[in-house]
């Protein structure tokens, strides 16, 4: 009799504490909704961190460009000199090929054994190739290097016409619907891809 009474008043009752199938389905559904709501937030935060790494790379590229200009009487590198791309013209000033790889596209690496075949994560503005400092009217508004749309030879250099044709490409929107650009004065800025205008690819002010 005592055992039966203890069992009746026990706080642990397996039948009462177990979940029904419907309850389990409700829990799974709620978890699925939360994941669906939070995943885009986490994805944007992760991409923002990658974009920051990309900007750090471009700032180092900008410092290398400044040193190159100092050594070449104020003249910028060419997009391609023979079979050597602009990356390798700047490489002696950085000694680190990884800065030419965007963290959002790690597979787009620079191949040390084929210096003219891969562009890495960035494209050179062909419209400023071999430009002298004296020809630049708007240093803070002229793009020199920008996120590339592909890793092959075609993206080593880019001009505005090419960019405008490809601005809807996902790869030119990889940083939360935008891209990073290095300007002639050395500053790096995130830009919404659709906001980039023709004048930013030319050296003349107000073009």
Foldseek 3Di string as FASTA:
>chain_A
DVVVVCVVPDPDDPVVPDDDPVRVVVVVVVVVVVCVVCVVVVVLVVLQVLQVLLQVLLLQVLVLQVVLCVVVVQWGAACQDPQAGSLVVSCVVPVDQCSQARSLCNVLGQDPVRRRFWQHFKEALNQRHRNGPVLAPCQPQAFGMWTFLDTGNVRSHDHVVRLVVCLVRCSCLSNVQWIWTATRVSHIDTDNSVPDDNVRSHRDPPD
